[in-house]
Structure formats: structure tokens, C-alpha cells
């Protein structure tokens, strides 16, 4: 079930996701869906971040992160943690963290 509560979820994406514009595409897709949050590369070679927004849009973004990504990426695994309802958005936009 997914009503229009605001939710927050942390994510980590594994595979060939660095050096393939994954963060840029993630930011663009998040903004297109009206989500806020952040995305960054990790020293382990993964991409991680947080999504916040209406439940249905976060669900769409999770699907995108699992299966689409950037054109040159190869996603082997997507993990989502700490999914919770929030009263208000904690971010004002969707940022790439360096």
C-alpha cells in the first residue's frame, strides 16, 4: 500500500556506477519526479544517498535505481534501508554530494 505520505529512504547502488554519470542522472531523475535528497560516490565504488518525497514517487525512483540508472551503468544490486514516514521534507532540492 502506498498512500501519499511523505517518506524518506536511504539507498546504496552496486555495480558499475561510478564514472558513468550515475550521480548526474540520479539527480535529474529525482528532480523530474519532484523528489529531494542527495547522491554521492563512496570509497567502496558504490553510489549512495537518500530520497524523500511522496510515497508513489519514491517507489518510482527506487525502481529506476534498481533497473535503469545512467545509460552506461551496470547495476548489480540496489539496497534500500531506513524507510520511514516523515512529517516534512528535510532537503530543499536534490544534490550531488562531492
N, C-alpha and C. Protein backbone atom coordinates (compact mmCIF):
# COMPACT_ATOMS: atom_id res chain seq x y z
N UNK A 1 0.84 -1.20 0.00
CA UNK A 1 0.00 0.00 0.00
C UNK A 1 0.88 1.25 0.00
N UNK A 2 0.45 2.24 -0.74
CA UNK A 2 1.26 3.44 -0.85
C UNK A 2 0.33 4.64 -0.97
N UNK A 3 0.00 5.25 0.16
CA UNK A 3 -0.79 6.48 0.05
C UNK A 3 0.19 7.64 -0.14
N UNK A 4 -0.28 8.85 -0.12
CA UNK A 4 0.62 9.95 -0.45
C UNK A 4 1.35 10.54 0.74
N UNK A 5 1.67 9.70 1.72
CA UNK A 5 2.54 10.15 2.81
C UNK A 5 3.89 10.53 2.23
N UNK A 6 4.58 11.43 2.93
CA UNK A 6 5.97 11.73 2.57
C UNK A 6 6.84 10.67 3.21
N UNK A 7 7.72 10.07 2.43
CA UNK A 7 8.62 9.08 3.01
C UNK A 7 10.07 9.42 2.69
N UNK A 8 10.94 8.85 3.48
CA UNK A 8 12.38 9.01 3.33
C UNK A 8 12.99 7.62 3.26
N UNK A 9 13.94 7.43 2.37
CA UNK A 9 14.62 6.13 2.28
C UNK A 9 16.08 6.35 1.89
N UNK A 10 16.97 5.58 2.51
CA UNK A 10 18.39 5.60 2.16
C UNK A 10 18.62 4.50 1.13
N UNK A 11 19.60 4.73 0.24
CA UNK A 11 19.87 3.72 -0.78
C UNK A 11 21.37 3.59 -1.02
N UNK A 12 21.75 2.41 -1.49
CA UNK A 12 23.11 2.16 -1.96
C UNK A 12 23.01 1.28 -3.19
N UNK A 13 23.72 1.70 -4.26
CA UNK A 13 23.64 1.01 -5.54
C UNK A 13 25.02 0.42 -5.85
N UNK A 14 25.02 -0.86 -6.22
CA UNK A 14 26.26 -1.59 -6.50
C UNK A 14 26.36 -1.89 -7.99
N UNK A 15 27.58 -2.09 -8.47
CA UNK A 15 27.81 -2.42 -9.88
C UNK A 15 28.75 -1.39 -10.48
N UNK A 16 28.64 -1.21 -11.81
CA UNK A 16 29.45 -0.19 -12.48
C UNK A 16 28.64 1.10 -12.44
N UNK A 17 28.82 1.86 -11.35
CA UNK A 17 28.00 3.04 -11.13
C UNK A 17 28.83 4.31 -10.89
N UNK A 18 30.15 4.18 -10.98
CA UNK A 18 30.99 5.37 -10.86
C UNK A 18 31.69 5.61 -12.19
N UNK A 19 31.84 6.90 -12.54
CA UNK A 19 32.47 7.24 -13.82
C UNK A 19 31.56 7.05 -15.01
N UNK A 20 30.26 6.89 -14.75
CA UNK A 20 29.29 6.68 -15.84
C UNK A 20 28.12 7.67 -15.71
N UNK A 21 28.38 8.81 -15.06
CA UNK A 21 27.38 9.87 -14.87
C UNK A 21 26.16 9.42 -14.07
N UNK A 22 26.35 8.41 -13.22
CA UNK A 22 25.23 7.88 -12.43
C UNK A 22 24.65 8.95 -11.52
N UNK A 23 25.51 9.72 -10.86
CA UNK A 23 25.01 10.74 -9.93
C UNK A 23 24.21 11.81 -10.67
N UNK A 24 24.72 12.23 -11.83
CA UNK A 24 24.04 13.27 -12.62
C UNK A 24 22.65 12.80 -13.06
N UNK A 25 22.57 11.56 -13.56
CA UNK A 25 21.29 11.01 -14.00
C UNK A 25 20.34 10.81 -12.82
N UNK A 26 20.90 10.38 -11.67
CA UNK A 26 20.08 10.19 -10.47
C UNK A 26 19.48 11.52 -10.03
N UNK A 27 20.31 12.56 -10.03
CA UNK A 27 19.83 13.89 -9.65
C UNK A 27 18.73 14.34 -10.61
N UNK A 28 18.94 14.18 -11.92
CA UNK A 28 17.96 14.60 -12.92
C UNK A 28 16.65 13.84 -12.77
N UNK A 29 16.72 12.53 -12.55
CA UNK A 29 15.52 11.71 -12.40
C UNK A 29 14.78 12.09 -11.12
N UNK A 30 15.52 12.31 -10.04
CA UNK A 30 14.91 12.72 -8.77
C UNK A 30 14.16 14.03 -8.92
N UNK A 31 14.81 14.99 -9.57
CA UNK A 31 14.17 16.30 -9.77
C UNK A 31 12.93 16.17 -10.66
N UNK A 32 13.03 15.34 -11.70
CA UNK A 32 11.91 15.13 -12.62
C UNK A 32 10.69 14.59 -11.86
N UNK A 33 10.95 13.72 -10.89
CA UNK A 33 9.86 13.12 -10.10
C UNK A 33 9.43 14.02 -8.94
N UNK A 34 10.10 15.15 -8.76
CA UNK A 34 9.74 16.06 -7.68
C UNK A 34 10.26 15.63 -6.33
N UNK A 35 11.31 14.81 -6.32
CA UNK A 35 11.89 14.34 -5.06
C UNK A 35 13.03 15.25 -4.61
N UNK A 36 13.35 15.15 -3.33
CA UNK A 36 14.53 15.84 -2.79
C UNK A 36 15.43 14.79 -2.16
N UNK A 37 16.69 15.17 -1.93
CA UNK A 37 17.63 14.24 -1.31
C UNK A 37 19.03 14.53 -1.79
N UNK A 38 19.84 13.48 -1.82
CA UNK A 38 21.23 13.63 -2.24
C UNK A 38 21.76 12.30 -2.77
N UNK A 39 22.89 12.42 -3.47
CA UNK A 39 23.56 11.24 -4.04
C UNK A 39 25.06 11.50 -4.00
N UNK A 40 25.83 10.46 -3.71
CA UNK A 40 27.29 10.60 -3.69
C UNK A 40 27.96 9.28 -4.01
N UNK A 41 29.21 9.37 -4.50
CA UNK A 41 30.05 8.18 -4.67
C UNK A 41 30.62 7.79 -3.31
N UNK A 42 30.88 6.50 -3.14
CA UNK A 42 31.55 6.05 -1.91
C UNK A 42 32.94 5.53 -2.28
N UNK A 43 33.79 5.42 -1.27
CA UNK A 43 35.14 4.90 -1.49
C UNK A 43 35.11 3.41 -1.85
N UNK A 44 33.98 2.76 -1.59
CA UNK A 44 33.83 1.33 -1.91
C UNK A 44 33.42 1.10 -3.36
N UNK A 45 33.24 2.20 -4.13
CA UNK A 45 32.86 2.05 -5.54
C UNK A 45 31.37 1.97 -5.77
N UNK A 46 30.58 2.25 -4.73
CA UNK A 46 29.13 2.25 -4.88
C UNK A 46 28.65 3.70 -4.93
N UNK A 47 27.35 3.86 -5.13
CA UNK A 47 26.71 5.17 -5.05
C UNK A 47 25.66 5.06 -3.95
N UNK A 48 25.64 6.06 -3.08
CA UNK A 48 24.64 6.03 -2.01
C UNK A 48 23.99 7.39 -1.88
N UNK A 49 22.85 7.40 -1.17
CA UNK A 49 22.16 8.66 -0.97
C UNK A 49 20.87 8.47 -0.22
N UNK A 50 20.04 9.51 -0.30
CA UNK A 50 18.75 9.49 0.37
C UNK A 50 17.71 10.13 -0.55
N UNK A 51 16.51 9.56 -0.53
CA UNK A 51 15.38 10.08 -1.30
C UNK A 51 14.29 10.50 -0.33
N UNK A 52 13.60 11.60 -0.63
CA UNK A 52 12.44 11.98 0.15
C UNK A 52 11.39 12.55 -0.78
N UNK A 53 10.13 12.22 -0.50
CA UNK A 53 9.03 12.74 -1.30
C UNK A 53 7.79 11.88 -1.12
N UNK A 54 6.77 12.12 -1.95
CA UNK A 54 5.54 11.32 -1.87
C UNK A 54 5.85 9.84 -2.13
N UNK A 55 5.20 8.99 -1.39
CA UNK A 55 5.45 7.54 -1.45
C UNK A 55 5.49 7.00 -2.88
N UNK A 56 4.49 7.36 -3.70
CA UNK A 56 4.43 6.80 -5.06
C UNK A 56 5.63 7.21 -5.90
N UNK A 57 6.10 8.45 -5.72
CA UNK A 57 7.25 8.94 -6.50
C UNK A 57 8.55 8.30 -6.01
N UNK A 58 8.67 8.09 -4.70
CA UNK A 58 9.85 7.40 -4.15
C UNK A 58 9.89 5.98 -4.68
N UNK A 59 8.71 5.35 -4.77
CA UNK A 59 8.62 3.99 -5.31
C UNK A 59 9.10 3.94 -6.76
N UNK A 60 8.69 4.93 -7.57
CA UNK A 60 9.14 5.02 -8.96
C UNK A 60 10.66 5.17 -9.03
N UNK A 61 11.20 6.01 -8.16
CA UNK A 61 12.64 6.27 -8.15
C UNK A 61 13.41 5.03 -7.71
N UNK A 62 12.86 4.28 -6.76
CA UNK A 62 13.52 3.03 -6.33
C UNK A 62 13.60 2.06 -7.51
N UNK A 63 12.52 1.96 -8.28
CA UNK A 63 12.52 1.09 -9.47
C UNK A 63 13.59 1.55 -10.45
N UNK A 64 13.67 2.87 -10.66
CA UNK A 64 14.65 3.44 -11.59
C UNK A 64 16.07 3.12 -11.12
N UNK A 65 16.32 3.27 -9.82
CA UNK A 65 17.65 2.99 -9.28
C UNK A 65 18.01 1.51 -9.40
N UNK A 66 17.02 0.63 -9.27
CA UNK A 66 17.26 -0.81 -9.35
C UNK A 66 17.53 -1.27 -10.77
N UNK A 67 16.82 -0.66 -11.73
CA UNK A 67 16.81 -1.25 -13.06
C UNK A 67 17.32 -0.37 -14.20
N UNK A 68 17.36 0.94 -14.02
CA UNK A 68 17.69 1.82 -15.14
C UNK A 68 19.05 2.48 -14.95
N UNK A 69 19.13 3.44 -14.05
CA UNK A 69 20.39 4.14 -13.82
C UNK A 69 20.80 4.95 -15.04
N UNK A 70 22.09 5.27 -15.14
CA UNK A 70 22.57 6.02 -16.29
C UNK A 70 22.80 5.07 -17.46
N UNK A 71 22.83 5.60 -18.68
CA UNK A 71 22.95 4.72 -19.86
C UNK A 71 24.15 3.77 -19.84
N UNK A 72 25.30 4.19 -19.31
CA UNK A 72 26.49 3.33 -19.32
C UNK A 72 26.70 2.55 -18.02
N UNK A 73 25.77 2.70 -17.07
CA UNK A 73 25.94 1.99 -15.80
C UNK A 73 25.50 0.53 -15.94
N UNK A 74 25.98 -0.29 -15.02
CA UNK A 74 25.54 -1.68 -14.93
C UNK A 74 25.26 -1.95 -13.45
N UNK A 75 23.98 -2.02 -13.10
CA UNK A 75 23.57 -2.18 -11.71
C UNK A 75 23.48 -3.66 -11.37
N UNK A 76 24.22 -4.07 -10.34
CA UNK A 76 24.16 -5.47 -9.92
C UNK A 76 23.26 -5.66 -8.70
N UNK A 77 23.14 -4.61 -7.88
CA UNK A 77 22.33 -4.73 -6.66
C UNK A 77 21.95 -3.34 -6.18
N UNK A 78 20.73 -3.22 -5.64
CA UNK A 78 20.28 -1.97 -5.02
C UNK A 78 19.74 -2.31 -3.64
N UNK A 79 20.24 -1.61 -2.63
CA UNK A 79 19.77 -1.81 -1.26
C UNK A 79 19.06 -0.56 -0.78
N UNK A 80 17.93 -0.75 -0.12
CA UNK A 80 17.16 0.36 0.44
C UNK A 80 16.97 0.12 1.92
N UNK A 81 17.30 1.12 2.74
CA UNK A 81 17.23 0.99 4.19
C UNK A 81 16.57 2.20 4.82
N UNK A 82 16.18 2.03 6.08
CA UNK A 82 15.65 3.14 6.91
C UNK A 82 14.46 3.83 6.27
N UNK A 83 13.59 3.07 5.62
CA UNK A 83 12.41 3.70 5.01
C UNK A 83 11.45 4.08 6.13
N UNK A 84 11.04 5.35 6.12
CA UNK A 84 10.15 5.83 7.17
C UNK A 84 9.31 6.99 6.66
N UNK A 85 8.18 7.19 7.33
CA UNK A 85 7.32 8.33 7.02
C UNK A 85 7.91 9.57 7.68
N UNK A 86 7.89 10.70 6.97
CA UNK A 86 8.38 11.96 7.55
C UNK A 86 7.27 13.01 7.49
N UNK A 87 7.28 13.92 8.45
CA UNK A 87 6.27 14.97 8.50
C UNK A 87 6.52 16.04 7.45
N UNK A 88 7.81 16.28 7.19
CA UNK A 88 8.16 17.28 6.19
C UNK A 88 9.48 16.88 5.55
N UNK A 89 9.75 17.45 4.38
CA UNK A 89 10.99 17.14 3.67
C UNK A 89 12.17 17.80 4.38
N UNK A 90 13.26 17.06 4.52
CA UNK A 90 14.44 17.56 5.23
C UNK A 90 15.45 18.21 4.29
N UNK A 91 15.20 18.12 2.98
CA UNK A 91 16.10 18.72 1.99
C UNK A 91 15.29 19.68 1.13
N UNK A 92 15.96 20.67 0.55
CA UNK A 92 15.22 21.62 -0.28
C UNK A 92 15.34 21.29 -1.78
N UNK A 93 16.32 20.48 -2.16
CA UNK A 93 16.47 20.09 -3.55
C UNK A 93 17.15 18.72 -3.61
N UNK A 94 17.57 18.34 -4.81
CA UNK A 94 18.27 17.05 -4.97
C UNK A 94 19.71 17.36 -5.33
N UNK A 95 20.63 17.08 -4.43
CA UNK A 95 22.02 17.50 -4.60
C UNK A 95 22.98 16.35 -4.84
N UNK A 96 24.02 16.64 -5.61
CA UNK A 96 25.14 15.72 -5.74
C UNK A 96 26.16 16.13 -4.68
N UNK A 97 26.50 15.20 -3.81
CA UNK A 97 27.49 15.48 -2.76
C UNK A 97 28.85 15.03 -3.27
N UNK A 98 29.82 15.91 -3.21
CA UNK A 98 31.16 15.57 -3.69
C UNK A 98 31.93 14.85 -2.60
